[in-house]
Structure formats: structure tokens, C-alpha cells
All heavy atoms as atom14 arrays in JSON, in Angstrom:
{
  "sequence": "YNISAMSYGSLSKTAVTALSGGAKLGRFAHNTGEGGVSPFHIEGG",
  "atom14_mask": [
    [1, 1, 1, 1, 1, 1, 1, 1, 1, 1, 1, 1, 0, 0],
    [1, 1, 1, 1, 1, 1, 1, 1, 0, 0, 0, 0, 0, 0],
    [1, 1, 1, 1, 1, 1, 1, 1, 0, 0, 0, 0, 0, 0],
    [1, 1, 1, 1, 1, 1, 0, 0, 0, 0, 0, 0, 0, 0],
    [1, 1, 1, 1, 1, 0, 0, 0, 0, 0, 0, 0, 0, 0],
    [1, 1, 1, 1, 1, 1, 1, 1, 0, 0, 0, 0, 0, 0],
    [1, 1, 1, 1, 1, 1, 0, 0, 0, 0, 0, 0, 0, 0],
    [1, 1, 1, 1, 1, 1, 1, 1, 1, 1, 1, 1, 0, 0],
    [1, 1, 1, 1, 0, 0, 0, 0, 0, 0, 0, 0, 0, 0],
    [1, 1, 1, 1, 1, 1, 0, 0, 0, 0, 0, 0, 0, 0],
    [1, 1, 1, 1, 1, 1, 1, 1, 0, 0, 0, 0, 0, 0],
    [1, 1, 1, 1, 1, 1, 0, 0, 0, 0, 0, 0, 0, 0],
    [1, 1, 1, 1, 1, 1, 1, 1, 1, 0, 0, 0, 0, 0],
    [1, 1, 1, 1, 1, 1, 1, 0, 0, 0, 0, 0, 0, 0],
    [1, 1, 1, 1, 1, 0, 0, 0, 0, 0, 0, 0, 0, 0],
    [1, 1, 1, 1, 1, 1, 1, 0, 0, 0, 0, 0, 0, 0],
    [1, 1, 1, 1, 1, 1, 1, 0, 0, 0, 0, 0, 0, 0],
    [1, 1, 1, 1, 1, 0, 0, 0, 0, 0, 0, 0, 0, 0],
    [1, 1, 1, 1, 1, 1, 1, 1, 0, 0, 0, 0, 0, 0],
    [1, 1, 1, 1, 1, 1, 0, 0, 0, 0, 0, 0, 0, 0],
    [1, 1, 1, 1, 0, 0, 0, 0, 0, 0, 0, 0, 0, 0],
    [1, 1, 1, 1, 0, 0, 0, 0, 0, 0, 0, 0, 0, 0],
    [1, 1, 1, 1, 1, 0, 0, 0, 0, 0, 0, 0, 0, 0],
    [1, 1, 1, 1, 1, 1, 1, 1, 1, 0, 0, 0, 0, 0],
    [1, 1, 1, 1, 1, 1, 1, 1, 0, 0, 0, 0, 0, 0],
    [1, 1, 1, 1, 0, 0, 0, 0, 0, 0, 0, 0, 0, 0],
    [1, 1, 1, 1, 1, 1, 1, 1, 1, 1, 1, 0, 0, 0],
    [1, 1, 1, 1, 1, 1, 1, 1, 1, 1, 1, 0, 0, 0],
    [1, 1, 1, 1, 1, 0, 0, 0, 0, 0, 0, 0, 0, 0],
    [1, 1, 1, 1, 1, 1, 1, 1, 1, 1, 0, 0, 0, 0],
    [1, 1, 1, 1, 1, 1, 1, 1, 0, 0, 0, 0, 0, 0],
    [1, 1, 1, 1, 1, 1, 1, 0, 0, 0, 0, 0, 0, 0],
    [1, 1, 1, 1, 0, 0, 0, 0, 0, 0, 0, 0, 0, 0],
    [1, 1, 1, 1, 1, 1, 1, 1, 1, 0, 0, 0, 0, 0],
    [1, 1, 1, 1, 0, 0, 0, 0, 0, 0, 0, 0, 0, 0],
    [1, 1, 1, 1, 0, 0, 0, 0, 0, 0, 0, 0, 0, 0],
    [1, 1, 1, 1, 1, 1, 1, 0, 0, 0, 0, 0, 0, 0],
    [1, 1, 1, 1, 1, 1, 0, 0, 0, 0, 0, 0, 0, 0],
    [1, 1, 1, 1, 1, 1, 1, 0, 0, 0, 0, 0, 0, 0],
    [1, 1, 1, 1, 1, 1, 1, 1, 1, 1, 1, 0, 0, 0],
    [1, 1, 1, 1, 1, 1, 1, 1, 1, 1, 0, 0, 0, 0],
    [1, 1, 1, 1, 1, 1, 1, 1, 0, 0, 0, 0, 0, 0],
    [1, 1, 1, 1, 1, 1, 1, 1, 1, 0, 0, 0, 0, 0],
    [1, 1, 1, 1, 0, 0, 0, 0, 0, 0, 0, 0, 0, 0],
    [1, 1, 1, 1, 0, 0, 0, 0, 0, 0, 0, 0, 0, 0]
  ],
  "atom14_positions": [
    [[196.9, 40.99, 50.64], [197.16, 42.4, 50.36], [196.26, 43.24, 51.24], [195.06, 43.11, 51.15], [196.98, 42.74, 48.89], [197.63, 44.04, 48.41], [198.91, 44.3, 48.73], [196.91, 44.92, 47.62], [199.51, 45.5, 48.3], [197.46, 46.05, 47.1], [198.77, 46.37, 47.46], [199.33, 47.53, 47.0], [0.0, 0.0, 0.0], [0.0, 0.0, 0.0]],
    [[196.89, 44.02, 52.12], [196.13, 44.75, 53.12], [196.61, 46.15, 53.35], [197.67, 46.56, 52.76], [196.22, 44.0, 54.48], [195.7, 42.57, 54.4], [194.52, 42.29, 54.39], [196.61, 41.65, 54.24], [0.0, 0.0, 0.0], [0.0, 0.0, 0.0], [0.0, 0.0, 0.0], [0.0, 0.0, 0.0], [0.0, 0.0, 0.0], [0.0, 0.0, 0.0]],
    [[195.93, 46.96, 54.11], [196.32, 48.38, 54.36], [197.3, 48.47, 55.46], [197.08, 47.96, 56.58], [195.07, 49.2, 54.72], [194.04, 49.12, 53.59], [195.44, 50.63, 54.9], [192.69, 49.74, 53.92], [0.0, 0.0, 0.0], [0.0, 0.0, 0.0], [0.0, 0.0, 0.0], [0.0, 0.0, 0.0], [0.0, 0.0, 0.0], [0.0, 0.0, 0.0]],
    [[198.45, 49.06, 55.23], [199.48, 49.15, 56.2], [199.19, 50.23, 57.24], [198.23, 50.94, 57.11], [200.87, 49.51, 55.55], [201.89, 49.35, 56.4], [0.0, 0.0, 0.0], [0.0, 0.0, 0.0], [0.0, 0.0, 0.0], [0.0, 0.0, 0.0], [0.0, 0.0, 0.0], [0.0, 0.0, 0.0], [0.0, 0.0, 0.0], [0.0, 0.0, 0.0]],
    [[199.99, 50.29, 58.29], [199.73, 51.12, 59.46], [199.79, 52.62, 59.14], [200.78, 53.13, 58.68], [200.77, 50.79, 60.56], [0.0, 0.0, 0.0], [0.0, 0.0, 0.0], [0.0, 0.0, 0.0], [0.0, 0.0, 0.0], [0.0, 0.0, 0.0], [0.0, 0.0, 0.0], [0.0, 0.0, 0.0], [0.0, 0.0, 0.0], [0.0, 0.0, 0.0]],
    [[198.65, 53.27, 59.41], [198.53, 54.74, 59.35], [197.52, 55.2, 60.37], [196.4, 54.83, 60.28], [198.11, 55.16, 57.9], [199.07, 54.87, 56.82], [198.52, 55.39, 55.17], [197.34, 54.06, 54.82], [0.0, 0.0, 0.0], [0.0, 0.0, 0.0], [0.0, 0.0, 0.0], [0.0, 0.0, 0.0], [0.0, 0.0, 0.0], [0.0, 0.0, 0.0]],
    [[198.03, 56.0, 61.32], [197.2, 56.36, 62.44], [196.21, 57.48, 62.12], [196.46, 58.33, 61.26], [198.08, 56.9, 63.6], [199.01, 55.91, 63.98], [0.0, 0.0, 0.0], [0.0, 0.0, 0.0], [0.0, 0.0, 0.0], [0.0, 0.0, 0.0], [0.0, 0.0, 0.0], [0.0, 0.0, 0.0], [0.0, 0.0, 0.0], [0.0, 0.0, 0.0]],
    [[195.06, 57.48, 62.9], [194.25, 58.66, 62.81], [195.0, 59.74, 63.59], [195.43, 59.57, 64.69], [192.87, 58.4, 63.49], [192.12, 59.7, 63.69], [191.75, 60.43, 62.63], [191.78, 60.11, 64.98], [191.09, 61.69, 62.76], [191.08, 61.3, 65.15], [190.75, 62.12, 64.06], [190.1, 63.25, 64.23], [0.0, 0.0, 0.0], [0.0, 0.0, 0.0]],
    [[195.08, 60.89, 62.97], [195.91, 61.97, 63.48], [196.89, 62.33, 62.44], [197.05, 63.52, 62.06], [0.0, 0.0, 0.0], [0.0, 0.0, 0.0], [0.0, 0.0, 0.0], [0.0, 0.0, 0.0], [0.0, 0.0, 0.0], [0.0, 0.0, 0.0], [0.0, 0.0, 0.0], [0.0, 0.0, 0.0], [0.0, 0.0, 0.0], [0.0, 0.0, 0.0]],
    [[197.64, 61.32, 61.93], [198.41, 61.56, 60.76], [197.52, 61.57, 59.54], [197.83, 62.34, 58.54], [199.48, 60.47, 60.64], [198.93, 59.22, 60.54], [0.0, 0.0, 0.0], [0.0, 0.0, 0.0], [0.0, 0.0, 0.0], [0.0, 0.0, 0.0], [0.0, 0.0, 0.0], [0.0, 0.0, 0.0], [0.0, 0.0, 0.0], [0.0, 0.0, 0.0]],
    [[196.5, 60.78, 59.49], [195.48, 60.83, 58.45], [194.19, 61.47, 58.95], [193.97, 61.42, 60.15], [195.12, 59.41, 57.95], [196.21, 58.59, 57.27], [195.6, 57.38, 56.57], [197.04, 59.41, 56.33], [0.0, 0.0, 0.0], [0.0, 0.0, 0.0], [0.0, 0.0, 0.0], [0.0, 0.0, 0.0], [0.0, 0.0, 0.0], [0.0, 0.0, 0.0]],
    [[193.44, 62.04, 58.09], [192.15, 62.63, 58.49], [191.12, 61.62, 58.81], [191.21, 60.44, 58.47], [191.68, 63.55, 57.35], [191.29, 62.75, 56.23], [0.0, 0.0, 0.0], [0.0, 0.0, 0.0], [0.0, 0.0, 0.0], [0.0, 0.0, 0.0], [0.0, 0.0, 0.0], [0.0, 0.0, 0.0], [0.0, 0.0, 0.0], [0.0, 0.0, 0.0]],
    [[190.05, 62.09, 59.45], [188.91, 61.18, 59.82], [188.23, 60.65, 58.56], [187.81, 59.48, 58.53], [187.94, 61.9, 60.74], [187.32, 63.18, 60.18], [186.41, 63.83, 61.16], [187.19, 64.35, 62.39], [186.3, 65.07, 63.38], [0.0, 0.0, 0.0], [0.0, 0.0, 0.0], [0.0, 0.0, 0.0], [0.0, 0.0, 0.0], [0.0, 0.0, 0.0]],
    [[188.14, 61.46, 57.51], [187.49, 60.96, 56.27], [188.37, 59.93, 55.6], [187.87, 58.88, 55.04], [187.13, 62.1, 55.33], [188.36, 62.9, 55.16], [186.02, 62.96, 55.88], [0.0, 0.0, 0.0], [0.0, 0.0, 0.0], [0.0, 0.0, 0.0], [0.0, 0.0, 0.0], [0.0, 0.0, 0.0], [0.0, 0.0, 0.0], [0.0, 0.0, 0.0]],
    [[189.67, 60.13, 55.63], [190.58, 59.13, 54.99], [190.49, 57.81, 55.76], [190.47, 56.76, 55.12], [191.99, 59.69, 54.97], [0.0, 0.0, 0.0], [0.0, 0.0, 0.0], [0.0, 0.0, 0.0], [0.0, 0.0, 0.0], [0.0, 0.0, 0.0], [0.0, 0.0, 0.0], [0.0, 0.0, 0.0], [0.0, 0.0, 0.0], [0.0, 0.0, 0.0]],
    [[190.51, 57.87, 57.09], [190.5, 56.64, 57.84], [189.19, 55.9, 57.64], [189.19, 54.65, 57.49], [190.74, 56.95, 59.35], [190.44, 55.73, 60.23], [192.17, 57.43, 59.63], [0.0, 0.0, 0.0], [0.0, 0.0, 0.0], [0.0, 0.0, 0.0], [0.0, 0.0, 0.0], [0.0, 0.0, 0.0], [0.0, 0.0, 0.0], [0.0, 0.0, 0.0]],
    [[188.08, 56.61, 57.65], [186.8, 55.98, 57.47], [186.69, 55.33, 56.08], [186.17, 54.23, 55.92], [185.65, 57.0, 57.61], [185.77, 57.66, 58.88], [184.28, 56.35, 57.57], [0.0, 0.0, 0.0], [0.0, 0.0, 0.0], [0.0, 0.0, 0.0], [0.0, 0.0, 0.0], [0.0, 0.0, 0.0], [0.0, 0.0, 0.0], [0.0, 0.0, 0.0]],
    [[187.24, 56.01, 55.05], [187.19, 55.5, 53.68], [188.09, 54.21, 53.55], [187.68, 53.3, 52.9], [187.69, 56.55, 52.66], [0.0, 0.0, 0.0], [0.0, 0.0, 0.0], [0.0, 0.0, 0.0], [0.0, 0.0, 0.0], [0.0, 0.0, 0.0], [0.0, 0.0, 0.0], [0.0, 0.0, 0.0], [0.0, 0.0, 0.0], [0.0, 0.0, 0.0]],
    [[189.25, 54.24, 54.2], [190.12, 53.08, 54.13], [189.44, 51.88, 54.82], [189.44, 50.74, 54.3], [191.47, 53.34, 54.85], [192.35, 54.33, 54.12], [193.59, 54.69, 54.95], [192.91, 53.67, 52.79], [0.0, 0.0, 0.0], [0.0, 0.0, 0.0], [0.0, 0.0, 0.0], [0.0, 0.0, 0.0], [0.0, 0.0, 0.0], [0.0, 0.0, 0.0]],
    [[188.87, 52.09, 56.0], [188.22, 51.01, 56.69], [186.99, 50.54, 55.92], [186.72, 49.31, 55.86], [187.8, 51.46, 58.14], [187.13, 50.43, 58.81], [0.0, 0.0, 0.0], [0.0, 0.0, 0.0], [0.0, 0.0, 0.0], [0.0, 0.0, 0.0], [0.0, 0.0, 0.0], [0.0, 0.0, 0.0], [0.0, 0.0, 0.0], [0.0, 0.0, 0.0]],
    [[186.27, 51.48, 55.33], [185.13, 51.08, 54.52], [185.54, 50.29, 53.29], [184.87, 49.3, 52.9], [0.0, 0.0, 0.0], [0.0, 0.0, 0.0], [0.0, 0.0, 0.0], [0.0, 0.0, 0.0], [0.0, 0.0, 0.0], [0.0, 0.0, 0.0], [0.0, 0.0, 0.0], [0.0, 0.0, 0.0], [0.0, 0.0, 0.0], [0.0, 0.0, 0.0]],
    [[186.62, 50.67, 52.64], [187.14, 49.89, 51.53], [187.58, 48.53, 51.92], [187.37, 47.55, 51.18], [0.0, 0.0, 0.0], [0.0, 0.0, 0.0], [0.0, 0.0, 0.0], [0.0, 0.0, 0.0], [0.0, 0.0, 0.0], [0.0, 0.0, 0.0], [0.0, 0.0, 0.0], [0.0, 0.0, 0.0], [0.0, 0.0, 0.0], [0.0, 0.0, 0.0]],
    [[188.21, 48.41, 53.11], [188.6, 47.08, 53.66], [187.36, 46.2, 53.81], [187.43, 45.01, 53.57], [189.36, 47.26, 54.94], [0.0, 0.0, 0.0], [0.0, 0.0, 0.0], [0.0, 0.0, 0.0], [0.0, 0.0, 0.0], [0.0, 0.0, 0.0], [0.0, 0.0, 0.0], [0.0, 0.0, 0.0], [0.0, 0.0, 0.0], [0.0, 0.0, 0.0]],
    [[186.31, 46.79, 54.31], [185.08, 46.0, 54.49], [184.52, 45.52, 53.18], [184.17, 44.34, 52.97], [184.02, 46.8, 55.25], [182.71, 46.04, 55.51], [181.73, 46.92, 56.24], [180.39, 46.1, 56.49], [179.4, 46.94, 57.18], [0.0, 0.0, 0.0], [0.0, 0.0, 0.0], [0.0, 0.0, 0.0], [0.0, 0.0, 0.0], [0.0, 0.0, 0.0]],
    [[184.44, 46.41, 52.2], [183.92, 46.02, 50.88], [184.75, 44.98, 50.19], [184.22, 44.08, 49.57], [183.85, 47.29, 49.97], [182.79, 48.35, 50.3], [182.96, 49.53, 49.39], [181.4, 47.77, 50.17], [0.0, 0.0, 0.0], [0.0, 0.0, 0.0], [0.0, 0.0, 0.0], [0.0, 0.0, 0.0], [0.0, 0.0, 0.0], [0.0, 0.0, 0.0]],
    [[186.11, 45.08, 50.36], [186.98, 44.16, 49.66], [187.4, 42.93, 50.47], [188.21, 42.15, 50.0], [0.0, 0.0, 0.0], [0.0, 0.0, 0.0], [0.0, 0.0, 0.0], [0.0, 0.0, 0.0], [0.0, 0.0, 0.0], [0.0, 0.0, 0.0], [0.0, 0.0, 0.0], [0.0, 0.0, 0.0], [0.0, 0.0, 0.0], [0.0, 0.0, 0.0]],
    [[186.94, 42.86, 51.74], [187.26, 41.75, 52.6], [188.77, 41.64, 52.82], [189.4, 40.56, 52.64], [186.73, 40.47, 52.07], [185.17, 40.41, 52.05], [184.61, 39.11, 51.5], [185.06, 37.95, 52.32], [185.81, 36.98, 51.97], [186.38, 36.98, 50.73], [186.18, 36.02, 52.78], [0.0, 0.0, 0.0], [0.0, 0.0, 0.0], [0.0, 0.0, 0.0]],
    [[189.4, 42.77, 53.22], [190.8, 42.67, 53.6], [190.99, 43.52, 54.87], [190.01, 44.0, 55.42], [191.72, 43.17, 52.47], [191.41, 44.53, 51.9], [192.12, 45.67, 52.3], [190.39, 44.67, 50.95], [191.84, 46.9, 51.8], [190.13, 45.94, 50.41], [190.84, 47.05, 50.87], [0.0, 0.0, 0.0], [0.0, 0.0, 0.0], [0.0, 0.0, 0.0]],
    [[192.18, 43.6, 55.4], [192.39, 44.16, 56.77], [193.02, 45.53, 56.68], [193.76, 45.9, 55.71], [193.29, 43.21, 57.61], [0.0, 0.0, 0.0], [0.0, 0.0, 0.0], [0.0, 0.0, 0.0], [0.0, 0.0, 0.0], [0.0, 0.0, 0.0], [0.0, 0.0, 0.0], [0.0, 0.0, 0.0], [0.0, 0.0, 0.0], [0.0, 0.0, 0.0]],
    [[192.76, 46.36, 57.72], [193.24, 47.71, 57.8], [193.99, 47.84, 59.16], [193.45, 47.68, 60.25], [192.01, 48.62, 57.81], [192.31, 50.06, 57.98], [191.36, 51.03, 58.26], [193.48, 50.77, 57.85], [191.9, 52.2, 58.36], [193.2, 52.11, 58.09], [0.0, 0.0, 0.0], [0.0, 0.0, 0.0], [0.0, 0.0, 0.0], [0.0, 0.0, 0.0]],
    [[195.3, 48.11, 59.04], [196.11, 48.36, 60.25], [195.91, 49.74, 60.78], [195.97, 50.7, 60.05], [197.61, 48.14, 59.91], [198.48, 48.02, 61.14], [198.51, 48.94, 61.97], [199.29, 46.98, 61.22], [0.0, 0.0, 0.0], [0.0, 0.0, 0.0], [0.0, 0.0, 0.0], [0.0, 0.0, 0.0], [0.0, 0.0, 0.0], [0.0, 0.0, 0.0]],
    [[195.64, 49.82, 62.1], [195.24, 51.14, 62.73], [196.38, 52.1, 62.83], [196.16, 53.29, 63.0], [194.65, 50.91, 64.13], [195.71, 50.39, 64.96], [193.5, 49.95, 64.07], [0.0, 0.0, 0.0], [0.0, 0.0, 0.0], [0.0, 0.0, 0.0], [0.0, 0.0, 0.0], [0.0, 0.0, 0.0], [0.0, 0.0, 0.0], [0.0, 0.0, 0.0]],
    [[197.66, 51.62, 62.75], [198.74, 52.5, 63.16], [198.79, 52.59, 64.66], [197.86, 52.17, 65.4], [0.0, 0.0, 0.0], [0.0, 0.0, 0.0], [0.0, 0.0, 0.0], [0.0, 0.0, 0.0], [0.0, 0.0, 0.0], [0.0, 0.0, 0.0], [0.0, 0.0, 0.0], [0.0, 0.0, 0.0], [0.0, 0.0, 0.0], [0.0, 0.0, 0.0]],
    [[199.87, 53.16, 65.21], [200.1, 53.1, 66.64], [199.25, 54.13, 67.43], [199.32, 54.24, 68.63], [201.58, 53.29, 66.99], [202.18, 54.64, 66.58], [203.65, 54.69, 66.93], [203.98, 54.5, 68.18], [204.51, 54.95, 66.06], [0.0, 0.0, 0.0], [0.0, 0.0, 0.0], [0.0, 0.0, 0.0], [0.0, 0.0, 0.0], [0.0, 0.0, 0.0]],
    [[198.48, 54.97, 66.69], [197.65, 56.02, 67.35], [196.41, 55.53, 67.97], [195.63, 56.31, 68.52], [0.0, 0.0, 0.0], [0.0, 0.0, 0.0], [0.0, 0.0, 0.0], [0.0, 0.0, 0.0], [0.0, 0.0, 0.0], [0.0, 0.0, 0.0], [0.0, 0.0, 0.0], [0.0, 0.0, 0.0], [0.0, 0.0, 0.0], [0.0, 0.0, 0.0]],
    [[196.19, 54.17, 67.98], [195.01, 53.66, 68.66], [193.85, 53.41, 67.71], [193.86, 53.84, 66.54], [0.0, 0.0, 0.0], [0.0, 0.0, 0.0], [0.0, 0.0, 0.0], [0.0, 0.0, 0.0], [0.0, 0.0, 0.0], [0.0, 0.0, 0.0], [0.0, 0.0, 0.0], [0.0, 0.0, 0.0], [0.0, 0.0, 0.0], [0.0, 0.0, 0.0]],
    [[192.83, 52.77, 68.25], [191.59, 52.45, 67.47], [190.66, 53.64, 67.6], [190.09, 53.85, 68.69], [190.93, 51.16, 67.95], [189.72, 50.85, 67.09], [191.99, 49.98, 67.92], [0.0, 0.0, 0.0], [0.0, 0.0, 0.0], [0.0, 0.0, 0.0], [0.0, 0.0, 0.0], [0.0, 0.0, 0.0], [0.0, 0.0, 0.0], [0.0, 0.0, 0.0]],
    [[190.46, 54.39, 66.55], [189.57, 55.57, 66.56], [188.11, 55.14, 66.2], [187.89, 54.09, 65.62], [190.07, 56.59, 65.6], [189.8, 56.22, 64.27], [0.0, 0.0, 0.0], [0.0, 0.0, 0.0], [0.0, 0.0, 0.0], [0.0, 0.0, 0.0], [0.0, 0.0, 0.0], [0.0, 0.0, 0.0], [0.0, 0.0, 0.0], [0.0, 0.0, 0.0]],
    [[187.2, 55.98, 66.5], [185.83, 55.78, 66.06], [185.68, 55.58, 64.58], [184.77, 55.0, 64.08], [185.07, 56.97, 66.59], [185.87, 57.54, 67.69], [187.32, 57.22, 67.3], [0.0, 0.0, 0.0], [0.0, 0.0, 0.0], [0.0, 0.0, 0.0], [0.0, 0.0, 0.0], [0.0, 0.0, 0.0], [0.0, 0.0, 0.0], [0.0, 0.0, 0.0]],
    [[186.63, 56.26, 63.8], [186.53, 56.27, 62.39], [186.99, 54.92, 61.76], [186.53, 54.49, 60.71], [187.34, 57.45, 61.83], [187.0, 58.75, 62.54], [187.88, 59.27, 63.42], [185.74, 59.28, 62.43], [187.58, 60.42, 64.13], [185.44, 60.45, 63.11], [186.31, 60.99, 63.98], [0.0, 0.0, 0.0], [0.0, 0.0, 0.0], [0.0, 0.0, 0.0]],
    [[187.92, 54.24, 62.47], [188.25, 52.86, 62.09], [187.04, 51.96, 62.26], [186.75, 51.11, 61.42], [189.37, 52.31, 63.01], [190.74, 52.96, 62.79], [191.23, 53.9, 63.62], [191.66, 52.72, 61.8], [192.48, 54.27, 63.11], [192.7, 53.56, 62.04], [0.0, 0.0, 0.0], [0.0, 0.0, 0.0], [0.0, 0.0, 0.0], [0.0, 0.0, 0.0]],
    [[186.32, 52.18, 63.33], [185.18, 51.34, 63.7], [184.04, 51.66, 62.68], [183.34, 50.79, 62.15], [184.72, 51.51, 65.09], [185.82, 51.15, 66.05], [183.43, 50.71, 65.4], [186.3, 49.75, 66.02], [0.0, 0.0, 0.0], [0.0, 0.0, 0.0], [0.0, 0.0, 0.0], [0.0, 0.0, 0.0], [0.0, 0.0, 0.0], [0.0, 0.0, 0.0]],
    [[183.84, 52.99, 62.4], [182.73, 53.38, 61.55], [182.82, 52.8, 60.16], [181.79, 52.46, 59.53], [182.76, 54.94, 61.45], [181.62, 55.56, 60.62], [181.73, 57.07, 60.48], [182.4, 57.71, 61.35], [181.21, 57.63, 59.53], [0.0, 0.0, 0.0], [0.0, 0.0, 0.0], [0.0, 0.0, 0.0], [0.0, 0.0, 0.0], [0.0, 0.0, 0.0]],
    [[184.04, 52.68, 59.64], [184.18, 52.1, 58.31], [183.79, 50.64, 58.28], [183.38, 50.13, 57.18], [0.0, 0.0, 0.0], [0.0, 0.0, 0.0], [0.0, 0.0, 0.0], [0.0, 0.0, 0.0], [0.0, 0.0, 0.0], [0.0, 0.0, 0.0], [0.0, 0.0, 0.0], [0.0, 0.0, 0.0], [0.0, 0.0, 0.0], [0.0, 0.0, 0.0]],
    [[183.89, 49.92, 59.35], [183.45, 48.54, 59.46], [184.41, 47.47, 58.95], [184.07, 46.3, 58.96], [0.0, 0.0, 0.0], [0.0, 0.0, 0.0], [0.0, 0.0, 0.0], [0.0, 0.0, 0.0], [0.0, 0.0, 0.0], [0.0, 0.0, 0.0], [0.0, 0.0, 0.0], [0.0, 0.0, 0.0], [0.0, 0.0, 0.0], [0.0, 0.0, 0.0]]
  ]
}
């Protein structure tokens, strides 16, 4: 069970960071969406 594709731009920077952070805490994956890999995807870890 993982996070489906949602791009930064359609979602806010805080939403993207929180999703990526949640994926790190729960050991699951976060799809970046077609908008590219943003610093906020990386920041969440």
C-alpha cells in the first residue's frame, strides 16, 4: 500500500513534504507524479 502519483504544483509544498515524511516513517513508497522530483519530495525522506 503506497502513495499514488500527485505532483508538486497540484499539491502544496507542505502536503508533498508531509506525504514523503509519512512514507519514510511507515516504510512505504511515494509516487512523485509527472511534475518531477521536487526538493519537498526529497526533504520528506
